[in-house]
Protein backbone atom coordinates (compact mmCIF):
# COMPACT_ATOMS: atom_id res chain seq x y z
CA UNK A 1 0.00 0.00 0.00
CA UNK A 2 1.73 3.16 -1.23
CA UNK A 3 0.79 6.38 0.59
CA UNK A 4 1.51 9.99 -0.35
CA UNK A 5 1.08 13.38 1.34
CA UNK A 6 0.71 16.34 -1.04
CA UNK A 7 1.81 19.79 0.14
CA UNK A 8 1.29 22.75 -2.21
CA UNK A 9 3.52 25.68 -1.26
CA UNK A 10 4.00 29.35 -1.98
CA UNK A 11 6.27 31.32 0.36
CA UNK A 12 6.23 28.72 3.13
CA UNK A 13 9.97 28.72 3.94
CA UNK A 14 9.21 29.47 7.61
CA UNK A 15 6.86 26.51 7.96
CA UNK A 16 7.84 23.80 5.49
CA UNK A 17 10.68 22.20 7.46
CA UNK A 18 8.62 21.81 10.62
CA UNK A 19 5.61 20.57 8.66
CA UNK A 20 7.68 17.82 7.03
CA UNK A 21 9.32 16.88 10.33
CA UNK A 22 5.93 16.55 12.03
CA UNK A 23 4.59 14.42 9.18
CA UNK A 24 7.58 12.08 9.32
CA UNK A 25 7.32 11.87 13.12
CA UNK A 26 3.92 10.25 12.69
CA UNK A 27 5.68 7.23 11.16
CA UNK A 28 2.93 6.91 8.59
CA UNK A 29 5.26 5.27 6.07
CA UNK A 30 4.26 7.92 3.58
CA UNK A 31 6.11 9.75 0.87
CA UNK A 32 5.74 13.52 0.67
CA UNK A 33 5.29 15.53 -2.53
CA UNK A 34 5.89 19.28 -2.33
CA UNK A 35 4.57 21.34 -5.24
CA UNK A 36 6.11 24.78 -5.12
CA UNK A 37 4.97 27.70 -7.27
CA UNK A 38 8.38 29.36 -7.63
CA UNK A 39 8.29 30.84 -4.12
CA UNK A 40 10.42 34.00 -3.91
CA UNK A 41 11.32 33.15 -0.30
CA UNK A 42 13.19 29.97 -1.32
CA UNK A 43 10.73 27.37 -0.07
CA UNK A 44 11.91 24.84 -2.65
CA UNK A 45 15.54 25.20 -1.52
CA UNK A 46 14.45 24.52 2.07
CA UNK A 47 12.89 21.28 0.88
CA UNK A 48 15.98 20.27 -1.08
CA UNK A 49 18.24 21.00 1.89
CA UNK A 50 16.42 18.37 3.96
CA UNK A 51 17.83 15.62 1.69
CA UNK A 52 15.21 13.08 2.76
CA UNK A 53 14.55 9.97 0.68
CA UNK A 54 10.78 10.16 1.05
CA UNK A 55 10.52 13.76 -0.19
CA UNK A 56 9.74 14.62 -3.81
CA UNK A 57 9.64 18.15 -5.20
CA UNK A 58 7.88 19.62 -8.21
CA UNK A 59 8.83 23.22 -8.99
CA UNK A 60 6.47 25.19 -11.20
CA UNK A 61 7.54 28.28 -13.08
CA UNK A 62 5.01 30.66 -11.57
CA UNK A 63 2.18 31.02 -9.08
CA UNK A 64 -0.63 29.06 -10.75
CA UNK A 65 -3.04 28.52 -7.90
CA UNK A 66 -3.95 25.95 -5.27
CA UNK A 67 -6.38 23.94 -7.38
CA UNK A 68 -3.97 23.42 -10.25
CA UNK A 69 -1.23 22.47 -7.77
CA UNK A 70 -3.42 19.72 -6.34
CA UNK A 71 -4.39 18.51 -9.81
CA UNK A 72 -0.68 18.31 -10.66
CA UNK A 73 -0.02 16.41 -7.45
CA UNK A 74 -2.93 14.01 -7.89
CA UNK A 75 -1.88 13.20 -11.46
CA UNK A 76 1.68 12.58 -10.24
CA UNK A 77 0.37 10.30 -7.50
CA UNK A 78 -1.74 8.27 -9.91
CA UNK A 79 1.06 7.94 -12.47
CA UNK A 80 3.37 6.68 -9.71
CA UNK A 81 0.85 4.11 -8.48
CA UNK A 82 0.04 5.51 -5.03
CA UNK A 83 -3.00 3.86 -3.44
CA UNK A 84 -3.80 6.41 -0.72
CA UNK A 85 -3.29 10.18 -0.99
CA UNK A 86 -3.68 12.96 1.56
CA UNK A 87 -3.86 16.65 0.68
CA UNK A 88 -3.07 19.17 3.39
CA UNK A 89 -1.76 22.68 3.98
CA UNK A 90 1.94 23.30 4.57
CA UNK A 91 1.43 26.14 7.06
CA UNK A 92 0.84 23.98 10.19
CA UNK A 93 -2.90 24.67 10.20
CA UNK A 94 -3.54 20.94 9.68
CA UNK A 95 -2.15 18.72 12.43
CA UNK A 96 -0.18 15.74 11.03
CA UNK A 97 -1.37 13.69 14.02
CA UNK A 98 -4.59 13.16 12.03
CA UNK A 99 -2.82 11.56 9.05
CA UNK A 100 -2.86 7.96 10.26
CA UNK A 101 -6.49 8.04 11.48
CA UNK A 102 -7.58 9.48 8.14
CA UNK A 103 -5.66 6.83 6.21
CA UNK A 104 -7.30 4.15 8.36
CA UNK A 105 -10.77 5.52 7.62
CA UNK A 106 -10.09 4.97 3.91
CA UNK A 107 -10.37 1.23 4.53
CA UNK A 108 -14.16 1.63 4.53
CA UNK A 109 -14.62 4.97 2.76
CA UNK A 110 -13.69 6.57 -0.56
CA UNK A 111 -12.99 10.10 0.68
CA UNK A 112 -12.20 11.26 4.22
CA UNK A 113 -12.65 14.96 4.99
CA UNK A 114 -10.83 16.51 7.92
CA UNK A 115 -13.74 18.55 9.25
CA UNK A 116 -13.69 21.67 11.42
CA UNK A 117 -17.47 21.63 11.88
CA UNK A 118 -18.58 18.04 12.46
CA UNK A 119 -19.73 17.61 16.03
CA UNK A 120 -18.98 21.23 16.96
CA UNK A 121 -16.59 24.05 16.04
CA UNK A 122 -12.86 23.43 16.33
CA UNK A 123 -11.04 26.46 14.92
CA UNK A 124 -8.19 28.29 16.67
CA UNK A 125 -6.84 31.81 15.98
CA UNK A 126 -9.69 32.93 13.73
CA UNK A 127 -11.60 36.14 14.48
CA UNK A 128 -15.30 35.57 15.09
CA UNK A 129 -16.18 37.36 11.85
CA UNK A 130 -14.14 34.95 9.73
CA UNK A 131 -15.52 31.96 11.60
CA UNK A 132 -19.09 33.06 10.89
CA UNK A 133 -18.32 33.67 7.21
CA UNK A 134 -16.76 30.22 6.83
CA UNK A 135 -19.45 28.41 8.79
CA UNK A 136 -22.37 29.95 6.92
CA UNK A 137 -20.56 29.67 3.56
CA UNK A 138 -20.43 25.94 4.15
CA UNK A 139 -24.17 25.84 4.88
CA UNK A 140 -24.73 27.82 1.65
CA UNK A 141 -22.58 25.39 -0.36
CA UNK A 142 -24.18 22.32 1.22
CA UNK A 143 -27.72 23.46 0.40
CA UNK A 144 -26.96 24.37 -3.21
CA UNK A 145 -24.79 21.35 -4.08
CA UNK A 146 -26.68 18.77 -2.05
CA UNK A 147 -23.48 17.27 -0.68
CA UNK A 148 -24.17 16.09 2.90
CA UNK A 149 -20.90 17.41 4.33
CA UNK A 150 -20.62 20.13 6.98
CA UNK A 151 -17.13 21.28 5.95
CA UNK A 152 -17.18 21.44 2.16
CA UNK A 153 -14.35 23.99 2.06
CA UNK A 154 -12.01 21.74 4.05
CA UNK A 155 -8.52 21.39 2.60
CA UNK A 156 -7.43 18.37 4.67
CA UNK A 157 -8.60 15.27 2.77
CA UNK A 158 -7.66 11.64 2.29
CA UNK A 159 -8.38 9.99 -1.06
CA UNK A 160 -8.34 6.53 -2.52
CA UNK A 161 -6.67 6.51 -5.92
CA UNK A 162 -9.81 4.91 -7.36
CA UNK A 163 -11.85 7.88 -6.16
CA UNK A 164 -9.56 10.36 -7.89
CA UNK A 165 -9.88 8.35 -11.11
CA UNK A 166 -13.68 8.33 -10.81
CA UNK A 167 -14.01 12.11 -10.48
CA UNK A 168 -11.83 12.88 -13.54
CA UNK A 169 -9.51 15.11 -11.54
CA UNK A 170 -8.07 16.76 -14.68
CA UNK A 171 -11.46 18.36 -15.32
CA UNK A 172 -11.37 20.27 -12.02
CA UNK A 173 -10.47 23.84 -12.88
CA UNK A 174 -11.49 25.60 -9.67
CA UNK A 175 -9.08 27.24 -7.23
CA UNK A 176 -9.05 27.81 -3.48
CA UNK A 177 -12.23 27.08 -1.55
CA UNK A 178 -14.12 26.19 -4.71
CA UNK A 179 -11.65 23.44 -5.60
CA UNK A 180 -12.39 21.77 -2.27
CA UNK A 181 -16.14 22.08 -2.86
CA UNK A 182 -15.97 20.84 -6.44
CA UNK A 183 -13.88 17.74 -5.71
CA UNK A 184 -16.18 16.63 -2.88
CA UNK A 185 -19.19 17.38 -5.09
CA UNK A 186 -17.78 15.24 -7.90
CA UNK A 187 -17.11 12.38 -5.49
CA UNK A 188 -20.66 12.58 -4.15
CA UNK A 189 -22.08 12.63 -7.68
CA UNK A 190 -20.17 9.41 -8.42
CA UNK A 191 -21.81 7.77 -5.38
CA UNK A 192 -18.52 7.59 -3.49
CA UNK A 193 -18.70 7.09 0.26
CA UNK A 194 -17.71 10.31 2.06
CA UNK A 195 -17.04 10.62 5.77
CA UNK A 196 -16.04 13.58 7.94
CA UNK A 197 -13.32 13.12 10.53
CA UNK A 198 -13.20 15.79 13.28
CA UNK A 199 -9.98 17.83 13.37
CA UNK A 200 -8.75 20.97 15.09
CA UNK A 201 -7.84 23.70 12.61
CA UNK A 202 -5.22 26.18 13.84
CA UNK A 203 -4.79 29.23 11.65
CA UNK A 204 -1.23 30.03 10.65
CA UNK A 205 0.90 31.95 13.13
CA UNK A 206 3.85 32.36 10.74
CA UNK A 207 3.73 33.60 7.13
CA UNK A 208 0.94 35.27 5.21
CA UNK A 209 -2.49 33.99 4.22
CA UNK A 210 -2.97 33.21 0.52
CA UNK A 211 -6.69 34.01 0.57
CA UNK A 212 -7.88 36.63 -1.93
CA UNK A 213 -11.16 38.24 -2.97
CA UNK A 214 -11.04 36.51 -6.36
CA UNK A 215 -10.94 33.10 -4.67
CA UNK A 216 -13.95 33.99 -2.52
CA UNK A 217 -15.91 35.36 -5.48
CA UNK A 218 -15.19 32.21 -7.50
CA UNK A 219 -16.52 30.06 -4.66
CA UNK A 220 -19.72 32.10 -4.34
CA UNK A 221 -20.67 31.86 -8.00
CA UNK A 222 -19.28 28.51 -9.07
CA UNK A 223 -21.27 26.78 -6.33
CA UNK A 224 -24.36 27.72 -8.36
CA UNK A 225 -22.88 26.06 -11.47
CA UNK A 226 -22.42 22.88 -9.46
CA UNK A 227 -25.99 23.22 -8.20
CA UNK A 228 -27.33 23.56 -11.75
CA UNK A 229 -25.27 20.55 -12.82
CA UNK A 230 -26.80 18.55 -9.98
CA UNK A 231 -30.37 19.56 -10.93
CA UNK A 232 -29.75 18.78 -14.59
CA UNK A 233 -28.53 15.28 -13.72
CA UNK A 234 -31.48 14.68 -11.39
CA UNK A 235 -33.93 15.57 -14.18
CA UNK A 236 -32.33 13.19 -16.69
C-alpha atoms as a PDB file:
ATOM      1  CA  UNK A   1       0.000   0.000   0.000  1.00  0.00           C
ATOM      2  CA  UNK A   2       1.730   3.162  -1.227  1.00  0.00           C
ATOM      3  CA  UNK A   3       0.793   6.377   0.586  1.00  0.00           C
ATOM      4  CA  UNK A   4       1.506   9.988  -0.351  1.00  0.00           C
ATOM      5  CA  UNK A   5       1.080  13.379   1.341  1.00  0.00           C
ATOM      6  CA  UNK A   6       0.708  16.338  -1.044  1.00  0.00           C
ATOM      7  CA  UNK A   7       1.815  19.788   0.139  1.00  0.00           C
ATOM      8  CA  UNK A   8       1.288  22.755  -2.214  1.00  0.00           C
ATOM      9  CA  UNK A   9       3.518  25.675  -1.260  1.00  0.00           C
ATOM     10  CA  UNK A  10       4.004  29.350  -1.976  1.00  0.00           C
ATOM     11  CA  UNK A  11       6.268  31.323   0.361  1.00  0.00           C
ATOM     12  CA  UNK A  12       6.234  28.723   3.133  1.00  0.00           C
ATOM     13  CA  UNK A  13       9.970  28.717   3.938  1.00  0.00           C
ATOM     14  CA  UNK A  14       9.210  29.473   7.606  1.00  0.00           C
ATOM     15  CA  UNK A  15       6.860  26.510   7.959  1.00  0.00           C
ATOM     16  CA  UNK A  16       7.840  23.798   5.491  1.00  0.00           C
ATOM     17  CA  UNK A  17      10.676  22.196   7.456  1.00  0.00           C
ATOM     18  CA  UNK A  18       8.625  21.814  10.624  1.00  0.00           C
ATOM     19  CA  UNK A  19       5.614  20.571   8.664  1.00  0.00           C
ATOM     20  CA  UNK A  20       7.680  17.819   7.029  1.00  0.00           C
ATOM     21  CA  UNK A  21       9.321  16.877  10.329  1.00  0.00           C
ATOM     22  CA  UNK A  22       5.927  16.553  12.027  1.00  0.00           C
ATOM     23  CA  UNK A  23       4.589  14.415   9.176  1.00  0.00           C
ATOM     24  CA  UNK A  24       7.579  12.081   9.318  1.00  0.00           C
ATOM     25  CA  UNK A  25       7.323  11.867  13.118  1.00  0.00           C
ATOM     26  CA  UNK A  26       3.923  10.248  12.687  1.00  0.00           C
ATOM     27  CA  UNK A  27       5.676   7.225  11.157  1.00  0.00           C
ATOM     28  CA  UNK A  28       2.926   6.909   8.592  1.00  0.00           C
ATOM     29  CA  UNK A  29       5.257   5.266   6.074  1.00  0.00           C
ATOM     30  CA  UNK A  30       4.258   7.920   3.578  1.00  0.00           C
ATOM     31  CA  UNK A  31       6.112   9.747   0.868  1.00  0.00           C
ATOM     32  CA  UNK A  32       5.735  13.523   0.671  1.00  0.00           C
ATOM     33  CA  UNK A  33       5.286  15.529  -2.529  1.00  0.00           C
ATOM     34  CA  UNK A  34       5.886  19.279  -2.333  1.00  0.00           C
ATOM     35  CA  UNK A  35       4.566  21.335  -5.243  1.00  0.00           C
ATOM     36  CA  UNK A  36       6.113  24.782  -5.120  1.00  0.00           C
ATOM     37  CA  UNK A  37       4.975  27.700  -7.270  1.00  0.00           C
ATOM     38  CA  UNK A  38       8.376  29.355  -7.628  1.00  0.00           C
ATOM     39  CA  UNK A  39       8.287  30.837  -4.117  1.00  0.00           C
ATOM     40  CA  UNK A  40      10.421  34.003  -3.912  1.00  0.00           C
ATOM     41  CA  UNK A  41      11.320  33.149  -0.305  1.00  0.00           C
ATOM     42  CA  UNK A  42      13.195  29.973  -1.315  1.00  0.00           C
ATOM     43  CA  UNK A  43      10.733  27.374  -0.066  1.00  0.00           C
ATOM     44  CA  UNK A  44      11.911  24.838  -2.649  1.00  0.00           C
ATOM     45  CA  UNK A  45      15.536  25.204  -1.517  1.00  0.00           C
ATOM     46  CA  UNK A  46      14.453  24.517   2.074  1.00  0.00           C
ATOM     47  CA  UNK A  47      12.887  21.277   0.883  1.00  0.00           C
ATOM     48  CA  UNK A  48      15.983  20.268  -1.081  1.00  0.00           C
ATOM     49  CA  UNK A  49      18.241  20.998   1.886  1.00  0.00           C
ATOM     50  CA  UNK A  50      16.415  18.373   3.955  1.00  0.00           C
ATOM     51  CA  UNK A  51      17.826  15.619   1.690  1.00  0.00           C
ATOM     52  CA  UNK A  52      15.211  13.075   2.763  1.00  0.00           C
ATOM     53  CA  UNK A  53      14.550   9.970   0.680  1.00  0.00           C
ATOM     54  CA  UNK A  54      10.781  10.157   1.051  1.00  0.00           C
ATOM     55  CA  UNK A  55      10.525  13.756  -0.193  1.00  0.00           C
ATOM     56  CA  UNK A  56       9.742  14.621  -3.811  1.00  0.00           C
ATOM     57  CA  UNK A  57       9.645  18.148  -5.203  1.00  0.00           C
ATOM     58  CA  UNK A  58       7.880  19.623  -8.206  1.00  0.00           C
ATOM     59  CA  UNK A  59       8.827  23.219  -8.995  1.00  0.00           C
ATOM     60  CA  UNK A  60       6.467  25.188 -11.198  1.00  0.00           C
ATOM     61  CA  UNK A  61       7.545  28.284 -13.080  1.00  0.00           C
ATOM     62  CA  UNK A  62       5.007  30.659 -11.574  1.00  0.00           C
ATOM     63  CA  UNK A  63       2.177  31.019  -9.080  1.00  0.00           C
ATOM     64  CA  UNK A  64      -0.625  29.059 -10.751  1.00  0.00           C
ATOM     65  CA  UNK A  65      -3.044  28.517  -7.897  1.00  0.00           C
ATOM     66  CA  UNK A  66      -3.947  25.952  -5.273  1.00  0.00           C
ATOM     67  CA  UNK A  67      -6.378  23.942  -7.375  1.00  0.00           C
ATOM     68  CA  UNK A  68      -3.968  23.419 -10.253  1.00  0.00           C
ATOM     69  CA  UNK A  69      -1.235  22.466  -7.772  1.00  0.00           C
ATOM     70  CA  UNK A  70      -3.417  19.721  -6.341  1.00  0.00           C
ATOM     71  CA  UNK A  71      -4.393  18.509  -9.815  1.00  0.00           C
ATOM     72  CA  UNK A  72      -0.683  18.309 -10.660  1.00  0.00           C
ATOM     73  CA  UNK A  73      -0.021  16.409  -7.449  1.00  0.00           C
ATOM     74  CA  UNK A  74      -2.932  14.008  -7.886  1.00  0.00           C
ATOM     75  CA  UNK A  75      -1.882  13.204 -11.460  1.00  0.00           C
ATOM     76  CA  UNK A  76       1.681  12.584 -10.240  1.00  0.00           C
ATOM     77  CA  UNK A  77       0.371  10.299  -7.497  1.00  0.00           C
ATOM     78  CA  UNK A  78      -1.739   8.267  -9.912  1.00  0.00           C
ATOM     79  CA  UNK A  79       1.058   7.939 -12.471  1.00  0.00           C
ATOM     80  CA  UNK A  80       3.365   6.683  -9.711  1.00  0.00           C
ATOM     81  CA  UNK A  81       0.850   4.107  -8.476  1.00  0.00           C
ATOM     82  CA  UNK A  82       0.036   5.510  -5.033  1.00  0.00           C
ATOM     83  CA  UNK A  83      -2.998   3.863  -3.443  1.00  0.00           C
ATOM     84  CA  UNK A  84      -3.804   6.415  -0.721  1.00  0.00           C
ATOM     85  CA  UNK A  85      -3.292  10.178  -0.986  1.00  0.00           C
ATOM     86  CA  UNK A  86      -3.684  12.962   1.560  1.00  0.00           C
ATOM     87  CA  UNK A  87      -3.861  16.647   0.679  1.00  0.00           C
ATOM     88  CA  UNK A  88      -3.067  19.169   3.395  1.00  0.00           C
ATOM     89  CA  UNK A  89      -1.757  22.678   3.983  1.00  0.00           C
ATOM     90  CA  UNK A  90       1.940  23.302   4.571  1.00  0.00           C
ATOM     91  CA  UNK A  91       1.429  26.145   7.064  1.00  0.00           C
ATOM     92  CA  UNK A  92       0.836  23.977  10.190  1.00  0.00           C
ATOM     93  CA  UNK A  93      -2.901  24.673  10.205  1.00  0.00           C
ATOM     94  CA  UNK A  94      -3.535  20.945   9.677  1.00  0.00           C
ATOM     95  CA  UNK A  95      -2.154  18.723  12.430  1.00  0.00           C
ATOM     96  CA  UNK A  96      -0.183  15.744  11.032  1.00  0.00           C
ATOM     97  CA  UNK A  97      -1.368  13.693  14.024  1.00  0.00           C
ATOM     98  CA  UNK A  98      -4.588  13.159  12.027  1.00  0.00           C
ATOM     99  CA  UNK A  99      -2.820  11.563   9.046  1.00  0.00           C
ATOM    100  CA  UNK A 100      -2.856   7.961  10.258  1.00  0.00           C
ATOM    101  CA  UNK A 101      -6.489   8.044  11.482  1.00  0.00           C
ATOM    102  CA  UNK A 102      -7.578   9.481   8.141  1.00  0.00           C
ATOM    103  CA  UNK A 103      -5.664   6.831   6.209  1.00  0.00           C
ATOM    104  CA  UNK A 104      -7.304   4.153   8.360  1.00  0.00           C
ATOM    105  CA  UNK A 105     -10.770   5.521   7.618  1.00  0.00           C
ATOM    106  CA  UNK A 106     -10.092   4.973   3.911  1.00  0.00           C
ATOM    107  CA  UNK A 107     -10.369   1.230   4.535  1.00  0.00           C
ATOM    108  CA  UNK A 108     -14.162   1.634   4.530  1.00  0.00           C
ATOM    109  CA  UNK A 109     -14.623   4.970   2.757  1.00  0.00           C
ATOM    110  CA  UNK A 110     -13.695   6.570  -0.557  1.00  0.00           C
ATOM    111  CA  UNK A 111     -12.993  10.105   0.685  1.00  0.00           C
ATOM    112  CA  UNK A 112     -12.201  11.261   4.224  1.00  0.00           C
ATOM    113  CA  UNK A 113     -12.653  14.956   4.988  1.00  0.00           C
ATOM    114  CA  UNK A 114     -10.834  16.507   7.924  1.00  0.00           C
ATOM    115  CA  UNK A 115     -13.744  18.546   9.245  1.00  0.00           C
ATOM    116  CA  UNK A 116     -13.694  21.674  11.419  1.00  0.00           C
ATOM    117  CA  UNK A 117     -17.466  21.627  11.880  1.00  0.00           C
ATOM    118  CA  UNK A 118     -18.581  18.041  12.455  1.00  0.00           C
ATOM    119  CA  UNK A 119     -19.732  17.611  16.034  1.00  0.00           C
ATOM    120  CA  UNK A 120     -18.984  21.230  16.963  1.00  0.00           C
ATOM    121  CA  UNK A 121     -16.592  24.048  16.042  1.00  0.00           C
ATOM    122  CA  UNK A 122     -12.860  23.434  16.326  1.00  0.00           C
ATOM    123  CA  UNK A 123     -11.042  26.464  14.918  1.00  0.00           C
ATOM    124  CA  UNK A 124      -8.187  28.289  16.666  1.00  0.00           C
ATOM    125  CA  UNK A 125      -6.839  31.809  15.979  1.00  0.00           C
ATOM    126  CA  UNK A 126      -9.691  32.930  13.729  1.00  0.00           C
ATOM    127  CA  UNK A 127     -11.595  36.145  14.485  1.00  0.00           C
ATOM    128  CA  UNK A 128     -15.300  35.567  15.091  1.00  0.00           C
ATOM    129  CA  UNK A 129     -16.183  37.360  11.845  1.00  0.00           C
ATOM    130  CA  UNK A 130     -14.138  34.952   9.734  1.00  0.00           C
ATOM    131  CA  UNK A 131     -15.521  31.959  11.604  1.00  0.00           C
ATOM    132  CA  UNK A 132     -19.094  33.060  10.894  1.00  0.00           C
ATOM    133  CA  UNK A 133     -18.321  33.673   7.212  1.00  0.00           C
ATOM    134  CA  UNK A 134     -16.760  30.224   6.833  1.00  0.00           C
ATOM    135  CA  UNK A 135     -19.452  28.410   8.788  1.00  0.00           C
ATOM    136  CA  UNK A 136     -22.373  29.948   6.916  1.00  0.00           C
ATOM    137  CA  UNK A 137     -20.559  29.673   3.565  1.00  0.00           C
ATOM    138  CA  UNK A 138     -20.429  25.937   4.152  1.00  0.00           C
ATOM    139  CA  UNK A 139     -24.166  25.838   4.875  1.00  0.00           C
ATOM    140  CA  UNK A 140     -24.731  27.817   1.652  1.00  0.00           C
ATOM    141  CA  UNK A 141     -22.575  25.392  -0.361  1.00  0.00           C
ATOM    142  CA  UNK A 142     -24.179  22.316   1.222  1.00  0.00           C
ATOM    143  CA  UNK A 143     -27.724  23.461   0.400  1.00  0.00           C
ATOM    144  CA  UNK A 144     -26.961  24.369  -3.205  1.00  0.00           C
ATOM    145  CA  UNK A 145     -24.788  21.354  -4.075  1.00  0.00           C
ATOM    146  CA  UNK A 146     -26.684  18.772  -2.052  1.00  0.00           C
ATOM    147  CA  UNK A 147     -23.484  17.268  -0.680  1.00  0.00           C
ATOM    148  CA  UNK A 148     -24.168  16.089   2.904  1.00  0.00           C
ATOM    149  CA  UNK A 149     -20.905  17.408   4.329  1.00  0.00           C
ATOM    150  CA  UNK A 150     -20.620  20.133   6.980  1.00  0.00           C
ATOM    151  CA  UNK A 151     -17.130  21.283   5.948  1.00  0.00           C
ATOM    152  CA  UNK A 152     -17.179  21.445   2.162  1.00  0.00           C
ATOM    153  CA  UNK A 153     -14.350  23.993   2.055  1.00  0.00           C
ATOM    154  CA  UNK A 154     -12.010  21.736   4.050  1.00  0.00           C
ATOM    155  CA  UNK A 155      -8.520  21.394   2.600  1.00  0.00           C
ATOM    156  CA  UNK A 156      -7.430  18.370   4.665  1.00  0.00           C
ATOM    157  CA  UNK A 157      -8.604  15.268   2.774  1.00  0.00           C
ATOM    158  CA  UNK A 158      -7.660  11.641   2.291  1.00  0.00           C
ATOM    159  CA  UNK A 159      -8.383   9.992  -1.056  1.00  0.00           C
ATOM    160  CA  UNK A 160      -8.343   6.527  -2.517  1.00  0.00           C
ATOM    161  CA  UNK A 161      -6.673   6.509  -5.916  1.00  0.00           C
ATOM    162  CA  UNK A 162      -9.810   4.905  -7.364  1.00  0.00           C
ATOM    163  CA  UNK A 163     -11.853   7.879  -6.162  1.00  0.00           C
ATOM    164  CA  UNK A 164      -9.559  10.355  -7.894  1.00  0.00           C
ATOM    165  CA  UNK A 165      -9.881   8.355 -11.109  1.00  0.00           C
ATOM    166  CA  UNK A 166     -13.676   8.334 -10.810  1.00  0.00           C
ATOM    167  CA  UNK A 167     -14.012  12.106 -10.483  1.00  0.00           C
ATOM    168  CA  UNK A 168     -11.831  12.884 -13.541  1.00  0.00           C
ATOM    169  CA  UNK A 169      -9.506  15.110 -11.541  1.00  0.00           C
ATOM    170  CA  UNK A 170      -8.069  16.759 -14.678  1.00  0.00           C
ATOM    171  CA  UNK A 171     -11.459  18.364 -15.319  1.00  0.00           C
ATOM    172  CA  UNK A 172     -11.375  20.266 -12.015  1.00  0.00           C
ATOM    173  CA  UNK A 173     -10.465  23.837 -12.881  1.00  0.00           C
ATOM    174  CA  UNK A 174     -11.486  25.603  -9.674  1.00  0.00           C
ATOM    175  CA  UNK A 175      -9.077  27.242  -7.235  1.00  0.00           C
ATOM    176  CA  UNK A 176      -9.054  27.812  -3.478  1.00  0.00           C
ATOM    177  CA  UNK A 177     -12.235  27.084  -1.554  1.00  0.00           C
ATOM    178  CA  UNK A 178     -14.116  26.189  -4.715  1.00  0.00           C
ATOM    179  CA  UNK A 179     -11.646  23.441  -5.597  1.00  0.00           C
ATOM    180  CA  UNK A 180     -12.391  21.774  -2.271  1.00  0.00           C
ATOM    181  CA  UNK A 181     -16.140  22.077  -2.859  1.00  0.00           C
ATOM    182  CA  UNK A 182     -15.967  20.843  -6.444  1.00  0.00           C
ATOM    183  CA  UNK A 183     -13.876  17.737  -5.710  1.00  0.00           C
ATOM    184  CA  UNK A 184     -16.176  16.633  -2.880  1.00  0.00           C
ATOM    185  CA  UNK A 185     -19.189  17.379  -5.093  1.00  0.00           C
ATOM    186  CA  UNK A 186     -17.783  15.244  -7.901  1.00  0.00           C
ATOM    187  CA  UNK A 187     -17.108  12.375  -5.495  1.00  0.00           C
ATOM    188  CA  UNK A 188     -20.660  12.582  -4.154  1.00  0.00           C
ATOM    189  CA  UNK A 189     -22.084  12.626  -7.682  1.00  0.00           C
ATOM    190  CA  UNK A 190     -20.166   9.411  -8.424  1.00  0.00           C
ATOM    191  CA  UNK A 191     -21.810   7.772  -5.383  1.00  0.00           C
ATOM    192  CA  UNK A 192     -18.523   7.594  -3.491  1.00  0.00           C
ATOM    193  CA  UNK A 193     -18.696   7.090   0.256  1.00  0.00           C
ATOM    194  CA  UNK A 194     -17.708  10.309   2.064  1.00  0.00           C
ATOM    195  CA  UNK A 195     -17.039  10.617   5.771  1.00  0.00           C
ATOM    196  CA  UNK A 196     -16.039  13.581   7.937  1.00  0.00           C
ATOM    197  CA  UNK A 197     -13.318  13.120  10.532  1.00  0.00           C
ATOM    198  CA  UNK A 198     -13.195  15.791  13.275  1.00  0.00           C
ATOM    199  CA  UNK A 199      -9.978  17.827  13.369  1.00  0.00           C
ATOM    200  CA  UNK A 200      -8.753  20.975  15.095  1.00  0.00           C
ATOM    201  CA  UNK A 201      -7.841  23.701  12.609  1.00  0.00           C
ATOM    202  CA  UNK A 202      -5.220  26.175  13.844  1.00  0.00           C
ATOM    203  CA  UNK A 203      -4.791  29.228  11.649  1.00  0.00           C
ATOM    204  CA  UNK A 204      -1.232  30.034  10.651  1.00  0.00           C
ATOM    205  CA  UNK A 205       0.903  31.948  13.130  1.00  0.00           C
ATOM    206  CA  UNK A 206       3.851  32.363  10.735  1.00  0.00           C
ATOM    207  CA  UNK A 207       3.732  33.596   7.134  1.00  0.00           C
ATOM    208  CA  UNK A 208       0.943  35.265   5.206  1.00  0.00           C
ATOM    209  CA  UNK A 209      -2.485  33.994   4.221  1.00  0.00           C
ATOM    210  CA  UNK A 210      -2.967  33.212   0.517  1.00  0.00           C
ATOM    211  CA  UNK A 211      -6.693  34.009   0.568  1.00  0.00           C
ATOM    212  CA  UNK A 212      -7.881  36.627  -1.928  1.00  0.00           C
ATOM    213  CA  UNK A 213     -11.158  38.239  -2.969  1.00  0.00           C
ATOM    214  CA  UNK A 214     -11.039  36.506  -6.357  1.00  0.00           C
ATOM    215  CA  UNK A 215     -10.944  33.097  -4.672  1.00  0.00           C
ATOM    216  CA  UNK A 216     -13.952  33.988  -2.521  1.00  0.00           C
ATOM    217  CA  UNK A 217     -15.913  35.363  -5.481  1.00  0.00           C
ATOM    218  CA  UNK A 218     -15.187  32.213  -7.499  1.00  0.00           C
ATOM    219  CA  UNK A 219     -16.515  30.058  -4.661  1.00  0.00           C
ATOM    220  CA  UNK A 220     -19.724  32.099  -4.338  1.00  0.00           C
ATOM    221  CA  UNK A 221     -20.667  31.863  -8.004  1.00  0.00           C
ATOM    222  CA  UNK A 222     -19.282  28.512  -9.068  1.00  0.00           C
ATOM    223  CA  UNK A 223     -21.267  26.782  -6.330  1.00  0.00           C
ATOM    224  CA  UNK A 224     -24.357  27.724  -8.364  1.00  0.00           C
ATOM    225  CA  UNK A 225     -22.880  26.056 -11.468  1.00  0.00           C
ATOM    226  CA  UNK A 226     -22.417  22.882  -9.457  1.00  0.00           C
ATOM    227  CA  UNK A 227     -25.986  23.221  -8.196  1.00  0.00           C
ATOM    228  CA  UNK A 228     -27.332  23.563 -11.747  1.00  0.00           C
ATOM    229  CA  UNK A 229     -25.266  20.553 -12.822  1.00  0.00           C
ATOM    230  CA  UNK A 230     -26.802  18.554  -9.983  1.00  0.00           C
ATOM    231  CA  UNK A 231     -30.365  19.564 -10.927  1.00  0.00           C
ATOM    232  CA  UNK A 232     -29.748  18.777 -14.586  1.00  0.00           C
ATOM    233  CA  UNK A 233     -28.525  15.280 -13.720  1.00  0.00           C
ATOM    234  CA  UNK A 234     -31.484  14.678 -11.389  1.00  0.00           C
ATOM    235  CA  UNK A 235     -33.928  15.570 -14.182  1.00  0.00           C
ATOM    236  CA  UNK A 236     -32.331  13.192 -16.692  1.00  0.00           C
END
